[in-house]
Amino acid sequence: MSREEQAPVTEELIDNTDQGRFELYRDGDLVGWLYYTHLKPNRYAILHTEVESSHQHQGVAGAMVRRVLDEIRAREGTITAICPFVADYLSRTTTYADLIDARHPGYSDRAAAESARAKAGG
């Protein structure tokens, strides 16, 4: 089968509330997940992003963050960016600025998030 004839990749985002994470599946395979804590009234603290090692450097993390932020927007929620990858992503775009919780924005960029994580010993 030539590259042009291959079926497009199907992606599905699942909210696994039991594990407190959004999971991204591509063609039925779990390729990445994003841990969060759902806080009152409707705020999501975005804690950590992981990508399956066999799927790294394939745009999975960026695609997953976009899907998660779109989902939170659809739920009329706000976010607090704790994850360094998410903080970095948000620092490079204004597309999701409306989702950042005004009282609890989290970290403004990757360096601030990583510095805080290092000070906390994590």
PDB file of N, CA and C in Angstrom:
ATOM      1  N   MET A   1       0.849  -1.176   0.000  1.00  0.00           N
ATOM      2  CA  MET A   1       0.000   0.000   0.000  1.00  0.00           C
ATOM      3  C   MET A   1       0.890   1.232   0.000  1.00  0.00           C
ATOM      4  N   SER A   2       0.648   2.159  -0.876  1.00  0.00           N
ATOM      5  CA  SER A   2       1.472   3.370  -0.927  1.00  0.00           C
ATOM      6  C   SER A   2       1.069   4.315   0.200  1.00  0.00           C
ATOM      7  N   ARG A   3       1.923   5.269   0.462  1.00  0.00           N
ATOM      8  CA  ARG A   3       1.677   6.236   1.536  1.00  0.00           C
ATOM      9  C   ARG A   3       0.367   6.989   1.303  1.00  0.00           C
ATOM     10  N   GLU A   4       0.056   7.308   0.051  1.00  0.00           N
ATOM     11  CA  GLU A   4      -1.167   8.052  -0.258  1.00  0.00           C
ATOM     12  C   GLU A   4      -2.424   7.223   0.018  1.00  0.00           C
ATOM     13  N   GLU A   5      -2.295   5.903  -0.040  1.00  0.00           N
ATOM     14  CA  GLU A   5      -3.457   5.040   0.140  1.00  0.00           C
ATOM     15  C   GLU A   5      -3.712   4.672   1.594  1.00  0.00           C
ATOM     16  N   GLN A   6      -2.779   4.985   2.477  1.00  0.00           N
ATOM     17  CA  GLN A   6      -2.953   4.633   3.882  1.00  0.00           C
ATOM     18  C   GLN A   6      -4.104   5.429   4.487  1.00  0.00           C
ATOM     19  N   ALA A   7      -4.844   4.774   5.354  1.00  0.00           N
ATOM     20  CA  ALA A   7      -5.958   5.439   6.028  1.00  0.00           C
ATOM     21  C   ALA A   7      -5.404   6.486   6.991  1.00  0.00           C
ATOM     22  N   PRO A   8      -6.110   7.602   7.171  1.00  0.00           N
ATOM     23  CA  PRO A   8      -5.642   8.611   8.119  1.00  0.00           C
ATOM     24  C   PRO A   8      -5.659   8.054   9.543  1.00  0.00           C
ATOM     25  N   VAL A   9      -4.791   8.584  10.362  1.00  0.00           N
ATOM     26  CA  VAL A   9      -4.710   8.166  11.758  1.00  0.00           C
ATOM     27  C   VAL A   9      -5.959   8.651  12.482  1.00  0.00           C
ATOM     28  N   THR A  10      -6.554   7.776  13.273  1.00  0.00           N
ATOM     29  CA  THR A  10      -7.699   8.181  14.082  1.00  0.00           C
ATOM     30  C   THR A  10      -7.214   8.447  15.501  1.00  0.00           C
ATOM     31  N   GLU A  11      -7.649   9.564  16.055  1.00  0.00           N
ATOM     32  CA  GLU A  11      -7.284   9.936  17.417  1.00  0.00           C
ATOM     33  C   GLU A  11      -8.539  10.004  18.270  1.00  0.00           C
ATOM     34  N   GLU A  12      -8.373   9.580  19.518  1.00  0.00           N
ATOM     35  CA  GLU A  12      -9.479   9.667  20.459  1.00  0.00           C
ATOM     36  C   GLU A  12      -8.928  10.101  21.807  1.00  0.00           C
ATOM     37  N   LEU A  13      -9.560  11.104  22.402  1.00  0.00           N
ATOM     38  CA  LEU A  13      -9.184  11.578  23.726  1.00  0.00           C
ATOM     39  C   LEU A  13     -10.196  11.032  24.723  1.00  0.00           C
ATOM     40  N   ILE A  14      -9.699  10.357  25.742  1.00  0.00           N
ATOM     41  CA  ILE A  14     -10.543   9.775  26.783  1.00  0.00           C
ATOM     42  C   ILE A  14     -10.214  10.447  28.110  1.00  0.00           C
ATOM     43  N   ASP A  15     -11.234  10.812  28.866  1.00  0.00           N
ATOM     44  CA  ASP A  15     -11.029  11.338  30.216  1.00  0.00           C
ATOM     45  C   ASP A  15     -11.137  10.157  31.177  1.00  0.00           C
ATOM     46  N   ASN A  16     -10.001   9.665  31.632  1.00  0.00           N
ATOM     47  CA  ASN A  16      -9.964   8.547  32.575  1.00  0.00           C
ATOM     48  C   ASN A  16     -10.000   9.141  33.982  1.00  0.00           C
ATOM     49  N   THR A  17     -11.199   9.404  34.476  1.00  0.00           N
ATOM     50  CA  THR A  17     -11.350  10.073  35.766  1.00  0.00           C
ATOM     51  C   THR A  17     -10.839   9.209  36.915  1.00  0.00           C
ATOM     52  N   ASP A  18     -10.882   7.890  36.771  1.00  0.00           N
ATOM     53  CA  ASP A  18     -10.374   7.007  37.826  1.00  0.00           C
ATOM     54  C   ASP A  18      -8.881   7.219  38.063  1.00  0.00           C
ATOM     55  N   GLN A  19      -8.139   7.497  36.999  1.00  0.00           N
ATOM     56  CA  GLN A  19      -6.697   7.720  37.125  1.00  0.00           C
ATOM     57  C   GLN A  19      -6.327   9.198  37.094  1.00  0.00           C
ATOM     58  N   GLY A  20      -7.322  10.077  36.931  1.00  0.00           N
ATOM     59  CA  GLY A  20      -7.058  11.518  36.917  1.00  0.00           C
ATOM     60  C   GLY A  20      -6.189  11.932  35.749  1.00  0.00           C
ATOM     61  N   ARG A  21      -6.522  11.395  34.587  1.00  0.00           N
ATOM     62  CA  ARG A  21      -5.728  11.767  33.416  1.00  0.00           C
ATOM     63  C   ARG A  21      -6.558  11.686  32.149  1.00  0.00           C
ATOM     64  N   PHE A  22      -6.183  12.542  31.197  1.00  0.00           N
ATOM     65  CA  PHE A  22      -6.702  12.438  29.846  1.00  0.00           C
ATOM     66  C   PHE A  22      -5.750  11.511  29.103  1.00  0.00           C
ATOM     67  N   GLU A  23      -6.304  10.648  28.267  1.00  0.00           N
ATOM     68  CA  GLU A  23      -5.487   9.700  27.510  1.00  0.00           C
ATOM     69  C   GLU A  23      -5.733   9.902  26.021  1.00  0.00           C
ATOM     70  N   LEU A  24      -4.648   9.931  25.254  1.00  0.00           N
ATOM     71  CA  LEU A  24      -4.758  10.066  23.814  1.00  0.00           C
ATOM     72  C   LEU A  24      -4.459   8.719  23.170  1.00  0.00           C
ATOM     73  N   TYR A  25      -5.403   8.263  22.375  1.00  0.00           N
ATOM     74  CA  TYR A  25      -5.253   7.007  21.634  1.00  0.00           C
ATOM     75  C   TYR A  25      -5.138   7.332  20.155  1.00  0.00           C
ATOM     76  N   ARG A  26      -4.188   6.702  19.486  1.00  0.00           N
ATOM     77  CA  ARG A  26      -4.053   6.789  18.028  1.00  0.00           C
ATOM     78  C   ARG A  26      -4.221   5.397  17.469  1.00  0.00           C
ATOM     79  N   ASP A  27      -5.196   5.265  16.588  1.00  0.00           N
ATOM     80  CA  ASP A  27      -5.511   3.953  15.998  1.00  0.00           C
ATOM     81  C   ASP A  27      -5.669   2.885  17.071  1.00  0.00           C
ATOM     82  N   GLY A  28      -6.285   3.258  18.188  1.00  0.00           N
ATOM     83  CA  GLY A  28      -6.577   2.317  19.262  1.00  0.00           C
ATOM     84  C   GLY A  28      -5.462   2.098  20.264  1.00  0.00           C
ATOM     85  N   ASP A  29      -4.274   2.652  20.008  1.00  0.00           N
ATOM     86  CA  ASP A  29      -3.139   2.481  20.923  1.00  0.00           C
ATOM     87  C   ASP A  29      -2.995   3.699  21.822  1.00  0.00           C
ATOM     88  N   LEU A  30      -2.785   3.462  23.117  1.00  0.00           N
ATOM     89  CA  LEU A  30      -2.525   4.548  24.056  1.00  0.00           C
ATOM     90  C   LEU A  30      -1.140   5.111  23.752  1.00  0.00           C
ATOM     91  N   VAL A  31      -1.066   6.392  23.372  1.00  0.00           N
ATOM     92  CA  VAL A  31       0.217   6.987  22.992  1.00  0.00           C
ATOM     93  C   VAL A  31       0.668   8.085  23.950  1.00  0.00           C
ATOM     94  N   GLY A  32      -0.245   8.626  24.742  1.00  0.00           N
ATOM     95  CA  GLY A  32       0.131   9.667  25.685  1.00  0.00           C
ATOM     96  C   GLY A  32      -0.971   9.920  26.694  1.00  0.00           C
ATOM     97  N   TRP A  33      -0.587  10.576  27.790  1.00  0.00           N
ATOM     98  CA  TRP A  33      -1.563  10.901  28.818  1.00  0.00           C
ATOM     99  C   TRP A  33      -1.127  12.171  29.532  1.00  0.00           C
ATOM    100  N   LEU A  34      -2.102  12.856  30.078  1.00  0.00           N
ATOM    101  CA  LEU A  34      -1.888  14.124  30.749  1.00  0.00           C
ATOM    102  C   LEU A  34      -2.624  14.077  32.087  1.00  0.00           C
ATOM    103  N   TYR A  35      -1.854  14.073  33.175  1.00  0.00           N
ATOM    104  CA  TYR A  35      -2.441  14.016  34.514  1.00  0.00           C
ATOM    105  C   TYR A  35      -2.984  15.380  34.926  1.00  0.00           C
ATOM    106  N   TYR A  36      -4.099  15.360  35.648  1.00  0.00           N
ATOM    107  CA  TYR A  36      -4.715  16.596  36.118  1.00  0.00           C
ATOM    108  C   TYR A  36      -5.396  16.353  37.449  1.00  0.00           C
ATOM    109  N   THR A  37      -5.715  17.438  38.127  1.00  0.00           N
ATOM    110  CA  THR A  37      -6.580  17.405  39.301  1.00  0.00           C
ATOM    111  C   THR A  37      -7.741  18.329  38.984  1.00  0.00           C
ATOM    112  N   HIS A  38      -8.955  17.830  39.153  1.00  0.00           N
ATOM    113  CA  HIS A  38     -10.150  18.645  38.886  1.00  0.00           C
ATOM    114  C   HIS A  38     -10.543  19.317  40.192  1.00  0.00           C
ATOM    115  N   LEU A  39     -10.488  20.638  40.196  1.00  0.00           N
ATOM    116  CA  LEU A  39     -10.761  21.427  41.387  1.00  0.00           C
ATOM    117  C   LEU A  39     -12.071  22.185  41.239  1.00  0.00           C
ATOM    118  N   LYS A  40     -12.625  22.638  42.340  1.00  0.00           N
ATOM    119  CA  LYS A  40     -13.861  23.403  42.325  1.00  0.00           C
ATOM    120  C   LYS A  40     -13.579  24.844  41.933  1.00  0.00           C
ATOM    121  N   PRO A  41     -14.470  25.561  41.255  1.00  0.00           N
ATOM    122  CA  PRO A  41     -15.729  25.035  40.747  1.00  0.00           C
ATOM    123  C   PRO A  41     -15.530  24.223  39.459  1.00  0.00           C
ATOM    124  N   ASN A  42     -14.670  24.638  38.573  1.00  0.00           N
ATOM    125  CA  ASN A  42     -14.429  23.873  37.343  1.00  0.00           C
ATOM    126  C   ASN A  42     -13.039  24.200  36.809  1.00  0.00           C
ATOM    127  N   ARG A  43     -12.052  24.015  37.697  1.00  0.00           N
ATOM    128  CA  ARG A  43     -10.668  24.330  37.342  1.00  0.00           C
ATOM    129  C   ARG A  43      -9.876  23.036  37.274  1.00  0.00           C
ATOM    130  N   TYR A  44      -9.027  22.961  36.263  1.00  0.00           N
ATOM    131  CA  TYR A  44      -8.171  21.795  36.064  1.00  0.00           C
ATOM    132  C   TYR A  44      -6.720  22.204  36.295  1.00  0.00           C
ATOM    133  N   ALA A  45      -6.088  21.622  37.293  1.00  0.00           N
ATOM    134  CA  ALA A  45      -4.654  21.819  37.494  1.00  0.00           C
ATOM    135  C   ALA A  45      -3.975  20.781  36.605  1.00  0.00           C
ATOM    136  N   ILE A  46      -3.270  21.255  35.583  1.00  0.00           N
ATOM    137  CA  ILE A  46      -2.601  20.375  34.616  1.00  0.00           C
ATOM    138  C   ILE A  46      -1.223  20.062  35.184  1.00  0.00           C
ATOM    139  N   LEU A  47      -1.028  18.794  35.573  1.00  0.00           N
ATOM    140  CA  LEU A  47       0.136  18.430  36.365  1.00  0.00           C
ATOM    141  C   LEU A  47       1.323  17.876  35.579  1.00  0.00           C
ATOM    142  N   HIS A  48       1.065  16.968  34.653  1.00  0.00           N
ATOM    143  CA  HIS A  48       2.188  16.254  34.028  1.00  0.00           C
ATOM    144  C   HIS A  48       1.750  15.623  32.718  1.00  0.00           C
ATOM    145  N   THR A  49       2.603  15.724  31.715  1.00  0.00           N
ATOM    146  CA  THR A  49       2.347  15.147  30.400  1.00  0.00           C
ATOM    147  C   THR A  49       3.363  14.050  30.132  1.00  0.00           C
ATOM    148  N   GLU A  50       2.894  12.905  29.645  1.00  0.00           N
ATOM    149  CA  GLU A  50       3.793  11.807  29.284  1.00  0.00           C
ATOM    150  C   GLU A  50       3.404  11.254  27.923  1.00  0.00           C
ATOM    151  N   VAL A  51       4.419  10.801  27.186  1.00  0.00           N
ATOM    152  CA  VAL A  51       4.211  10.183  25.883  1.00  0.00           C
ATOM    153  C   VAL A  51       4.899   8.823  25.902  1.00  0.00           C
ATOM    154  N   GLU A  52       4.207   7.821  25.415  1.00  0.00           N
ATOM    155  CA  GLU A  52       4.772   6.476  25.291  1.00  0.00           C
ATOM    156  C   GLU A  52       6.093   6.573  24.526  1.00  0.00           C
ATOM    157  N   SER A  53       7.150   5.910  25.015  1.00  0.00           N
ATOM    158  CA  SER A  53       8.489   6.081  24.429  1.00  0.00           C
ATOM    159  C   SER A  53       8.523   5.783  22.927  1.00  0.00           C
ATOM    160  N   SER A  54       7.731   4.826  22.481  1.00  0.00           N
ATOM    161  CA  SER A  54       7.727   4.481  21.049  1.00  0.00           C
ATOM    162  C   SER A  54       7.031   5.539  20.186  1.00  0.00           C
ATOM    163  N   HIS A  55       6.415   6.527  20.819  1.00  0.00           N
ATOM    164  CA  HIS A  55       5.694   7.569  20.074  1.00  0.00           C
ATOM    165  C   HIS A  55       6.276   8.962  20.315  1.00  0.00           C
ATOM    166  N   GLN A  56       7.428   9.047  20.967  1.00  0.00           N
ATOM    167  CA  GLN A  56       8.037  10.354  21.215  1.00  0.00           C
ATOM    168  C   GLN A  56       8.558  10.948  19.915  1.00  0.00           C
ATOM    169  N   HIS A  57       8.612  12.264  19.878  1.00  0.00           N
ATOM    170  CA  HIS A  57       9.095  13.033  18.722  1.00  0.00           C
ATOM    171  C   HIS A  57       8.198  12.842  17.498  1.00  0.00           C
ATOM    172  N   GLN A  58       6.908  12.601  17.741  1.00  0.00           N
ATOM    173  CA  GLN A  58       5.942  12.448  16.650  1.00  0.00           C
ATOM    174  C   GLN A  58       4.786  13.442  16.798  1.00  0.00           C
ATOM    175  N   GLY A  59       4.968  14.452  17.645  1.00  0.00           N
ATOM    176  CA  GLY A  59       3.938  15.471  17.826  1.00  0.00           C
ATOM    177  C   GLY A  59       2.795  15.057  18.742  1.00  0.00           C
ATOM    178  N   VAL A  60       2.975  13.952  19.461  1.00  0.00           N
ATOM    179  CA  VAL A  60       1.899  13.449  20.327  1.00  0.00           C
ATOM    180  C   VAL A  60       1.586  14.426  21.458  1.00  0.00           C
ATOM    181  N   ALA A  61       2.603  14.921  22.151  1.00  0.00           N
ATOM    182  CA  ALA A  61       2.362  15.793  23.306  1.00  0.00           C
ATOM    183  C   ALA A  61       1.617  17.062  22.900  1.00  0.00           C
ATOM    184  N   GLY A  62       2.064  17.693  21.812  1.00  0.00           N
ATOM    185  CA  GLY A  62       1.390  18.905  21.353  1.00  0.00           C
ATOM    186  C   GLY A  62      -0.045  18.646  20.944  1.00  0.00           C
ATOM    187  N   ALA A  63      -0.264  17.550  20.222  1.00  0.00           N
ATOM    188  CA  ALA A  63      -1.622  17.195  19.798  1.00  0.00           C
ATOM    189  C   ALA A  63      -2.499  16.918  21.014  1.00  0.00           C
ATOM    190  N   MET A  64      -1.939  16.233  21.997  1.00  0.00           N
ATOM    191  CA  MET A  64      -2.705  15.893  23.194  1.00  0.00           C
ATOM    192  C   MET A  64      -3.056  17.153  23.985  1.00  0.00           C
ATOM    193  N   VAL A  65      -2.101  18.062  24.147  1.00  0.00           N
ATOM    194  CA  VAL A  65      -2.371  19.291  24.885  1.00  0.00           C
ATOM    195  C   VAL A  65      -3.475  20.095  24.186  1.00  0.00           C
ATOM    196  N   ARG A  66      -3.396  20.214  22.867  1.00  0.00           N
ATOM    197  CA  ARG A  66      -4.462  20.917  22.131  1.00  0.00           C
ATOM    198  C   ARG A  66      -5.818  20.267  22.372  1.00  0.00           C
ATOM    199  N   ARG A  67      -5.873  18.945  22.274  1.00  0.00           N
ATOM    200  CA  ARG A  67      -7.149  18.233  22.463  1.00  0.00           C
ATOM    201  C   ARG A  67      -7.683  18.429  23.883  1.00  0.00           C
ATOM    202  N   VAL A  68      -6.795  18.346  24.870  1.00  0.00           N
ATOM    203  CA  VAL A  68      -7.210  18.525  26.266  1.00  0.00           C
ATOM    204  C   VAL A  68      -7.713  19.951  26.488  1.00  0.00           C
ATOM    205  N   LEU A  69      -6.991  20.944  25.994  1.00  0.00           N
ATOM    206  CA  LEU A  69      -7.420  22.334  26.183  1.00  0.00           C
ATOM    207  C   LEU A  69      -8.740  22.605  25.471  1.00  0.00           C
ATOM    208  N   ASP A  70      -8.922  22.033  24.297  1.00  0.00           N
ATOM    209  CA  ASP A  70     -10.203  22.173  23.595  1.00  0.00           C
ATOM    210  C   ASP A  70     -11.330  21.530  24.404  1.00  0.00           C
ATOM    211  N   GLU A  71     -11.046  20.390  25.004  1.00  0.00           N
ATOM    212  CA  GLU A  71     -12.059  19.698  25.827  1.00  0.00           C
ATOM    213  C   GLU A  71     -12.412  20.530  27.058  1.00  0.00           C
ATOM    214  N   ILE A  72     -11.413  21.087  27.721  1.00  0.00           N
ATOM    215  CA  ILE A  72     -11.672  21.915  28.902  1.00  0.00           C
ATOM    216  C   ILE A  72     -12.456  23.165  28.508  1.00  0.00           C
ATOM    217  N   ARG A  73     -12.142  23.737  27.362  1.00  0.00           N
ATOM    218  CA  ARG A  73     -12.916  24.886  26.868  1.00  0.00           C
ATOM    219  C   ARG A  73     -14.371  24.476  26.641  1.00  0.00           C
ATOM    220  N   ALA A  74     -14.597  23.327  26.046  1.00  0.00           N
ATOM    221  CA  ALA A  74     -15.962  22.847  25.801  1.00  0.00           C
ATOM    222  C   ALA A  74     -16.717  22.641  27.112  1.00  0.00           C
ATOM    223  N   ARG A  75     -16.000  22.309  28.165  1.00  0.00           N
ATOM    224  CA  ARG A  75     -16.603  22.119  29.490  1.00  0.00           C
ATOM    225  C   ARG A  75     -16.729  23.437  30.251  1.00  0.00           C
ATOM    226  N   GLU A  76     -16.312  24.539  29.617  1.00  0.00           N
ATOM    227  CA  GLU A  76     -16.330  25.874  30.222  1.00  0.00           C
ATOM    228  C   GLU A  76     -15.501  25.921  31.495  1.00  0.00           C
ATOM    229  N   GLY A  77     -14.357  25.231  31.465  1.00  0.00           N
ATOM    230  CA  GLY A  77     -13.455  25.192  32.606  1.00  0.00           C
ATOM    231  C   GLY A  77     -12.302  26.157  32.447  1.00  0.00           C
ATOM    232  N   THR A  78     -11.483  26.222  33.491  1.00  0.00           N
ATOM    233  CA  THR A  78     -10.250  26.998  33.459  1.00  0.00           C
ATOM    234  C   THR A  78      -9.103  26.060  33.829  1.00  0.00           C
ATOM    235  N   ILE A  79      -7.875  26.541  33.599  1.00  0.00           N
ATOM    236  CA  ILE A  79      -6.708  25.715  33.882  1.00  0.00           C
ATOM    237  C   ILE A  79      -5.699  26.454  34.744  1.00  0.00           C
ATOM    238  N   THR A  80      -4.933  25.659  35.482  1.00  0.00           N
ATOM    239  CA  THR A  80      -3.752  26.108  36.189  1.00  0.00           C
ATOM    240  C   THR A  80      -2.615  25.261  35.656  1.00  0.00           C
ATOM    241  N   ALA A  81      -1.639  25.898  35.015  1.00  0.00           N
ATOM    242  CA  ALA A  81      -0.550  25.178  34.342  1.00  0.00           C
ATOM    243  C   ALA A  81       0.595  24.901  35.315  1.00  0.00           C
ATOM    244  N   ILE A  82       0.725  23.639  35.724  1.00  0.00           N
ATOM    245  CA  ILE A  82       1.815  23.199  36.589  1.00  0.00           C
ATOM    246  C   ILE A  82       2.863  22.457  35.756  1.00  0.00           C
ATOM    247  N   CYS A  83       2.424  21.702  34.781  1.00  0.00           N
ATOM    248  CA  CYS A  83       3.296  20.905  33.910  1.00  0.00           C
ATOM    249  C   CYS A  83       4.221  21.812  33.087  1.00  0.00           C
ATOM    250  N   PRO A  84       5.545  21.557  33.110  1.00  0.00           N
ATOM    251  CA  PRO A  84       6.464  22.383  32.310  1.00  0.00           C
ATOM    252  C   PRO A  84       6.138  22.379  30.815  1.00  0.00           C
ATOM    253  N   PHE A  85       5.748  21.239  30.261  1.00  0.00           N
ATOM    254  CA  PHE A  85       5.440  21.189  28.829  1.00  0.00           C
ATOM    255  C   PHE A  85       4.227  22.065  28.510  1.00  0.00           C
ATOM    256  N   VAL A  86       3.201  21.980  29.334  1.00  0.00           N
ATOM    257  CA  VAL A  86       1.987  22.778  29.108  1.00  0.00           C
ATOM    258  C   VAL A  86       2.290  24.262  29.304  1.00  0.00           C
ATOM    259  N   ALA A  87       3.064  24.604  30.326  1.00  0.00           N
ATOM    260  CA  ALA A  87       3.427  26.008  30.541  1.00  0.00           C
ATOM    261  C   ALA A  87       4.182  26.549  29.327  1.00  0.00           C
ATOM    262  N   ASP A  88       5.105  25.748  28.787  1.00  0.00           N
ATOM    263  CA  ASP A  88       5.844  26.148  27.599  1.00  0.00           C
ATOM    264  C   ASP A  88       4.907  26.312  26.403  1.00  0.00           C
ATOM    265  N   TYR A  89       4.002  25.369  26.224  1.00  0.00           N
ATOM    266  CA  TYR A  89       3.039  25.417  25.116  1.00  0.00           C
ATOM    267  C   TYR A  89       2.215  26.706  25.197  1.00  0.00           C
ATOM    268  N   LEU A  90       1.699  26.994  26.387  1.00  0.00           N
ATOM    269  CA  LEU A  90       0.861  28.179  26.561  1.00  0.00           C
ATOM    270  C   LEU A  90       1.646  29.474  26.389  1.00  0.00           C
ATOM    271  N   SER A  91       2.944  29.449  26.703  1.00  0.00           N
ATOM    272  CA  SER A  91       3.749  30.666  26.582  1.00  0.00           C
ATOM    273  C   SER A  91       4.011  31.025  25.119  1.00  0.00           C
ATOM    274  N   ARG A  92       3.768  30.085  24.199  1.00  0.00           N
ATOM    275  CA  ARG A  92       4.039  30.322  22.783  1.00  0.00           C
ATOM    276  C   ARG A  92       2.785  30.598  21.967  1.00  0.00           C
ATOM    277  N   THR A  93       1.619  30.687  22.607  1.00  0.00           N
ATOM    278  CA  THR A  93       0.383  30.941  21.873  1.00  0.00           C
ATOM    279  C   THR A  93      -0.597  31.720  22.749  1.00  0.00           C
ATOM    280  N   THR A  94      -1.473  32.467  22.099  1.00  0.00           N
ATOM    281  CA  THR A  94      -2.538  33.151  22.837  1.00  0.00           C
ATOM    282  C   THR A  94      -3.886  32.449  22.630  1.00  0.00           C
ATOM    283  N   THR A  95      -3.871  31.369  21.866  1.00  0.00           N
ATOM    284  CA  THR A  95      -5.105  30.661  21.517  1.00  0.00           C
ATOM    285  C   THR A  95      -5.896  30.223  22.751  1.00  0.00           C
ATOM    286  N   TYR A  96      -5.190  29.868  23.807  1.00  0.00           N
ATOM    287  CA  TYR A  96      -5.867  29.342  24.989  1.00  0.00           C
ATOM    288  C   TYR A  96      -5.752  30.277  26.195  1.00  0.00           C
ATOM    289  N   ALA A  97      -5.393  31.533  25.960  1.00  0.00           N
ATOM    290  CA  ALA A  97      -5.221  32.489  27.060  1.00  0.00           C
ATOM    291  C   ALA A  97      -6.492  32.637  27.893  1.00  0.00           C
ATOM    292  N   ASP A  98      -7.649  32.496  27.262  1.00  0.00           N
ATOM    293  CA  ASP A  98      -8.923  32.640  27.974  1.00  0.00           C
ATOM    294  C   ASP A  98      -9.167  31.511  28.972  1.00  0.00           C
ATOM    295  N   LEU A  99      -8.435  30.411  28.856  1.00  0.00           N
ATOM    296  CA  LEU A  99      -8.626  29.284  29.767  1.00  0.00           C
ATOM    297  C   LEU A  99      -7.821  29.400  31.052  1.00  0.00           C
ATOM    298  N   ILE A 100      -6.803  30.243  31.048  1.00  0.00           N
ATOM    299  CA  ILE A 100      -5.915  30.337  32.209  1.00  0.00           C
ATOM    300  C   ILE A 100      -6.657  31.010  33.354  1.00  0.00           C
ATOM    301  N   ASP A 101      -6.720  30.330  34.487  1.00  0.00           N
ATOM    302  CA  ASP A 101      -7.443  30.829  35.655  1.00  0.00           C
ATOM    303  C   ASP A 101      -6.764  32.102  36.173  1.00  0.00           C
ATOM    304  N   ALA A 102      -7.524  33.161  36.286  1.00  0.00           N
ATOM    305  CA  ALA A 102      -6.968  34.463  36.664  1.00  0.00           C
ATOM    306  C   ALA A 102      -6.382  34.453  38.077  1.00  0.00           C
ATOM    307  N   ARG A 103      -7.018  33.765  38.993  1.00  0.00           N
ATOM    308  CA  ARG A 103      -6.544  33.736  40.377  1.00  0.00           C
ATOM    309  C   ARG A 103      -5.437  32.724  40.597  1.00  0.00           C
ATOM    310  N   HIS A 104      -5.437  31.661  39.794  1.00  0.00           N
ATOM    311  CA  HIS A 104      -4.455  30.590  39.950  1.00  0.00           C
ATOM    312  C   HIS A 104      -3.915  30.180  38.574  1.00  0.00           C
ATOM    313  N   PRO A 105      -3.087  31.031  37.956  1.00  0.00           N
ATOM    314  CA  PRO A 105      -2.658  30.750  36.588  1.00  0.00           C
ATOM    315  C   PRO A 105      -1.628  29.632  36.460  1.00  0.00           C
ATOM    316  N   GLY A 106      -0.910  29.338  37.546  1.00  0.00           N
ATOM    317  CA  GLY A 106       0.171  28.368  37.442  1.00  0.00           C
ATOM    318  C   GLY A 106       1.432  29.060  36.978  1.00  0.00           C
ATOM    319  N   TYR A 107       2.263  28.356  36.218  1.00  0.00           N
ATOM    320  CA  TYR A 107       3.548  28.883  35.780  1.00  0.00           C
ATOM    321  C   TYR A 107       3.435  29.503  34.395  1.00  0.00           C
ATOM    322  N   SER A 108       4.200  30.571  34.192  1.00  0.00           N
ATOM    323  CA  SER A 108       4.102  31.325  32.944  1.00  0.00           C
ATOM    324  C   SER A 108       4.941  30.726  31.825  1.00  0.00           C
ATOM    325  N   ASP A 109       5.923  29.889  32.175  1.00  0.00           N
ATOM    326  CA  ASP A 109       6.763  29.283  31.141  1.00  0.00           C
ATOM    327  C   ASP A 109       7.459  28.043  31.701  1.00  0.00           C
ATOM    328  N   ARG A 110       8.151  27.324  30.823  1.00  0.00           N
ATOM    329  CA  ARG A 110       8.816  26.072  31.201  1.00  0.00           C
ATOM    330  C   ARG A 110       9.853  26.288  32.303  1.00  0.00           C
ATOM    331  N   ALA A 111      10.658  27.334  32.193  1.00  0.00           N
ATOM    332  CA  ALA A 111      11.722  27.571  33.171  1.00  0.00           C
ATOM    333  C   ALA A 111      11.144  27.746  34.580  1.00  0.00           C
ATOM    334  N   ALA A 112      10.074  28.508  34.708  1.00  0.00           N
ATOM    335  CA  ALA A 112       9.453  28.720  36.024  1.00  0.00           C
ATOM    336  C   ALA A 112       8.887  27.415  36.574  1.00  0.00           C
ATOM    337  N   ALA A 113       8.254  26.626  35.728  1.00  0.00           N
ATOM    338  CA  ALA A 113       7.682  25.356  36.166  1.00  0.00           C
ATOM    339  C   ALA A 113       8.773  24.372  36.573  1.00  0.00           C
ATOM    340  N   GLU A 114       9.846  24.299  35.781  1.00  0.00           N
ATOM    341  CA  GLU A 114      10.930  23.370  36.110  1.00  0.00           C
ATOM    342  C   GLU A 114      11.670  23.804  37.365  1.00  0.00           C
ATOM    343  N   SER A 115      11.845  25.113  37.551  1.00  0.00           N
ATOM    344  CA  SER A 115      12.493  25.621  38.743  1.00  0.00           C
ATOM    345  C   SER A 115      11.681  25.275  40.001  1.00  0.00           C
ATOM    346  N   ALA A 116      10.380  25.455  39.925  1.00  0.00           N
ATOM    347  CA  ALA A 116       9.509  25.122  41.057  1.00  0.00           C
ATOM    348  C   ALA A 116       9.551  23.624  41.345  1.00  0.00           C
ATOM    349  N   ARG A 117       9.560  22.819  40.302  1.00  0.00           N
ATOM    350  CA  ARG A 117       9.615  21.362  40.473  1.00  0.00           C
ATOM    351  C   ARG A 117      10.932  20.953  41.133  1.00  0.00           C
ATOM    352  N   ALA A 118      12.033  21.578  40.712  1.00  0.00           N
ATOM    353  CA  ALA A 118      13.345  21.249  41.283  1.00  0.00           C
ATOM    354  C   ALA A 118      13.396  21.633  42.769  1.00  0.00           C
ATOM    355  N   LYS A 119      12.835  22.789  43.123  1.00  0.00           N
ATOM    356  CA  LYS A 119      12.815  23.232  44.512  1.00  0.00           C
ATOM    357  C   LYS A 119      11.971  22.301  45.371  1.00  0.00           C
ATOM    358  N   ALA A 120      10.916  21.732  44.783  1.00  0.00           N
ATOM    359  CA  ALA A 120      10.034  20.815  45.509  1.00  0.00           C
ATOM    360  C   ALA A 120      10.636  19.413  45.603  1.00  0.00           C
ATOM    361  N   GLY A 121      11.730  19.196  44.880  1.00  0.00           N
ATOM    362  CA  GLY A 121      12.376  17.890  44.922  1.00  0.00           C
ATOM    363  C   GLY A 121      11.756  16.885  43.994  1.00  0.00           C
ATOM    364  N   GLY A 122      11.007  17.359  42.977  1.00  0.00           N
ATOM    365  CA  GLY A 122      10.344  16.413  42.089  1.00  0.00           C
ATOM    366  C   GLY A 122      10.833  16.566  40.729  1.00  0.00           C
TER     367      GLY A 122
END
